[in-house]
Amino acid sequence: ILATLVVPGVVETLVRSSAVRIFVCNAMTEPGETDGYGVAEHLRALATHGLTVDALDYVVVNASPIPRKVRARYETEGAQPVSADFAVAAGPPTVVRAELLEPGPVVRHAPDKLGRILRDLAGARGGWATDGRAAEEWVRS
């Protein structure tokens, strides 16, 4: 995403846009690139490139536990789960914590789970429960 933000005019267009702006945070750090990053540091990196946190409507963060065996394999490669260390007193953005990962030996966002969340968030501004329930369990507040 950072490479996209350095293209002239992209940040300005995003900030001016009336579209719903959603940042989906990585579930794992990238060795040598985002070592030690939590959600807050990812957002600081966006801000360094001009996309400040107040320009976002939602920040989507994984809440799925990563199985010990899978986590251990990633740790040997220098990767760690991204810490959900970001909170907002009053939005925007709204932080949405949800179980996003698909089962298996690789840490990946499950397209069906993430897709439902993105569809729901893009379709309505605010009013969603953000306590980590799966998208199909969300209720309007």
Protein backbone atom coordinates (compact mmCIF):
# COMPACT_ATOMS: atom_id res chain seq x y z
CA ILE A 1 0.00 0.00 0.00
CA LEU A 2 2.86 2.41 0.71
CA ALA A 3 4.08 2.20 -2.88
CA THR A 4 0.63 3.29 -4.03
CA LEU A 5 0.71 6.32 -1.73
CA VAL A 6 3.88 7.73 -3.31
CA VAL A 7 2.21 8.07 -6.71
CA PRO A 8 1.52 11.79 -7.17
CA GLY A 9 -2.09 12.70 -6.39
CA VAL A 10 -3.15 9.41 -4.78
CA VAL A 11 -3.11 10.63 -1.15
CA GLU A 12 -4.84 13.89 -2.05
CA THR A 13 -7.54 11.99 -3.94
CA LEU A 14 -8.08 9.59 -1.04
CA VAL A 15 -8.36 12.42 1.47
CA ARG A 16 -10.86 14.35 -0.68
CA SER A 17 -12.90 11.29 -1.60
CA SER A 18 -16.38 10.79 -0.19
CA ALA A 19 -15.90 7.01 -0.49
CA VAL A 20 -15.58 4.88 2.63
CA ARG A 21 -11.85 4.55 3.35
CA ILE A 22 -10.86 1.26 4.97
CA PHE A 23 -7.38 0.15 6.00
CA VAL A 24 -7.02 -3.61 6.46
CA CYS A 25 -3.95 -4.21 8.58
CA ASN A 26 -1.59 -7.10 7.91
CA ALA A 27 -1.94 -10.05 10.27
CA MET A 28 1.83 -10.69 10.40
CA THR A 29 4.90 -8.48 10.24
CA GLU A 30 7.20 -8.66 7.22
CA PRO A 31 10.78 -9.51 8.21
CA GLY A 32 13.10 -6.61 7.46
CA GLU A 33 10.23 -4.29 6.56
CA THR A 34 7.79 -4.07 9.47
CA ASP A 35 9.73 -5.74 12.30
CA GLY A 36 8.00 -5.05 15.60
CA TYR A 37 5.11 -3.15 14.01
CA GLY A 38 1.72 -3.16 15.63
CA VAL A 39 -1.37 -1.58 14.12
CA ALA A 40 -0.32 1.84 15.47
CA GLU A 41 3.04 1.69 13.69
CA HIS A 42 1.40 0.64 10.41
CA LEU A 43 -0.85 3.69 10.71
CA ARG A 44 2.15 5.93 11.46
CA ALA A 45 3.78 4.61 8.28
CA LEU A 46 0.68 5.60 6.31
CA ALA A 47 0.75 9.05 7.94
CA THR A 48 4.43 9.47 7.03
CA HIS A 49 3.31 9.13 3.42
CA GLY A 50 0.49 11.64 3.88
CA LEU A 51 -2.51 9.44 4.72
CA THR A 52 -3.29 10.41 8.30
CA VAL A 53 -5.46 8.28 10.56
CA ASP A 54 -8.28 10.84 10.58
CA ALA A 55 -8.63 10.37 6.80
CA LEU A 56 -9.70 6.75 7.39
CA ASP A 57 -13.22 5.64 8.22
CA TYR A 58 -12.33 2.14 9.41
CA VAL A 59 -9.28 0.15 10.46
CA VAL A 60 -9.84 -3.60 10.20
CA VAL A 61 -7.68 -5.72 12.50
CA ASN A 62 -7.41 -9.48 12.79
CA ALA A 63 -8.59 -10.99 16.08
CA SER A 64 -8.10 -14.66 15.13
CA PRO A 65 -5.64 -16.54 17.28
CA ILE A 66 -2.70 -17.93 15.32
CA PRO A 67 -2.04 -21.60 16.11
CA ARG A 68 1.18 -22.18 18.04
CA LYS A 69 2.69 -24.41 15.32
CA VAL A 70 2.00 -21.87 12.56
CA ARG A 71 3.27 -19.00 14.71
CA ALA A 72 6.49 -20.91 15.49
CA ARG A 73 7.18 -21.42 11.78
CA TYR A 74 6.74 -17.71 11.10
CA GLU A 75 8.97 -16.81 14.05
CA THR A 76 11.82 -18.83 12.51
CA GLU A 77 11.50 -16.52 9.49
CA GLY A 78 11.50 -13.41 11.69
CA ALA A 79 7.79 -12.63 11.44
CA GLN A 80 5.45 -11.91 14.35
CA PRO A 81 1.70 -11.38 14.62
CA VAL A 82 0.80 -7.70 14.27
CA SER A 83 -0.17 -6.40 17.69
CA ALA A 84 -3.64 -4.86 17.90
CA ASP A 85 -2.18 -1.93 19.84
CA PHE A 86 -4.35 0.80 18.38
CA ALA A 87 -7.46 2.30 19.91
CA VAL A 88 -9.49 5.39 19.12
CA ALA A 89 -11.29 7.32 21.84
CA ALA A 90 -13.77 8.75 19.35
CA GLY A 91 -13.67 8.02 15.64
CA PRO A 92 -12.98 8.25 12.90
CA PRO A 93 -11.65 5.77 12.30
CA THR A 94 -13.69 3.00 13.82
CA VAL A 95 -11.52 0.02 14.72
CA VAL A 96 -13.11 -3.26 13.65
CA ARG A 97 -11.66 -6.37 15.24
CA ALA A 98 -12.80 -9.60 13.63
CA GLU A 99 -11.65 -13.17 13.19
CA LEU A 100 -10.30 -12.86 9.67
CA LEU A 101 -7.89 -15.73 9.12
CA GLU A 102 -8.50 -18.85 7.10
CA PRO A 103 -7.39 -22.11 8.70
CA GLY A 104 -4.21 -23.75 7.50
CA PRO A 105 -0.43 -23.57 7.65
CA VAL A 106 -0.22 -20.04 6.20
CA VAL A 107 -1.49 -16.85 7.85
CA ARG A 108 -3.86 -15.30 5.31
CA HIS A 109 -7.03 -13.24 5.50
CA ALA A 110 -9.95 -15.45 4.51
CA PRO A 111 -11.45 -13.81 1.41
CA ASP A 112 -15.02 -14.70 2.36
CA LYS A 113 -14.73 -13.31 5.89
CA LEU A 114 -12.89 -10.16 4.87
CA GLY A 115 -15.15 -9.67 1.86
CA ARG A 116 -18.30 -9.67 4.00
CA ILE A 117 -16.79 -7.13 6.37
CA LEU A 118 -15.64 -4.84 3.56
CA ARG A 119 -19.04 -5.09 1.86
CA ASP A 120 -20.82 -4.26 5.10
CA LEU A 121 -18.54 -1.36 5.97
CA ALA A 122 -18.62 0.10 2.48
CA GLY A 123 -22.41 -0.09 2.52
CA ALA A 124 -22.96 1.85 5.71
CA ARG A 125 -20.96 4.44 7.61
CA GLY A 126 -20.77 3.59 11.31
CA GLY A 127 -23.22 1.81 13.53
CA TRP A 128 -21.45 -1.56 13.58
CA ALA A 129 -20.40 -3.59 16.58
CA THR A 130 -16.60 -3.74 16.69
CA ASP A 131 -15.99 -6.26 19.45
CA GLY A 132 -14.41 -8.98 17.31
CA ARG A 133 -17.53 -10.91 16.35
CA ALA A 134 -17.61 -12.41 12.89
CA ALA A 135 -19.27 -10.21 10.26
CA GLU A 136 -22.42 -12.32 10.12
CA GLU A 137 -22.89 -11.77 13.86
CA TRP A 138 -22.54 -7.99 13.73
CA VAL A 139 -25.52 -5.92 14.68
CA ARG A 140 -26.23 -2.28 14.13
CA SER A 141 -25.95 -0.35 17.37
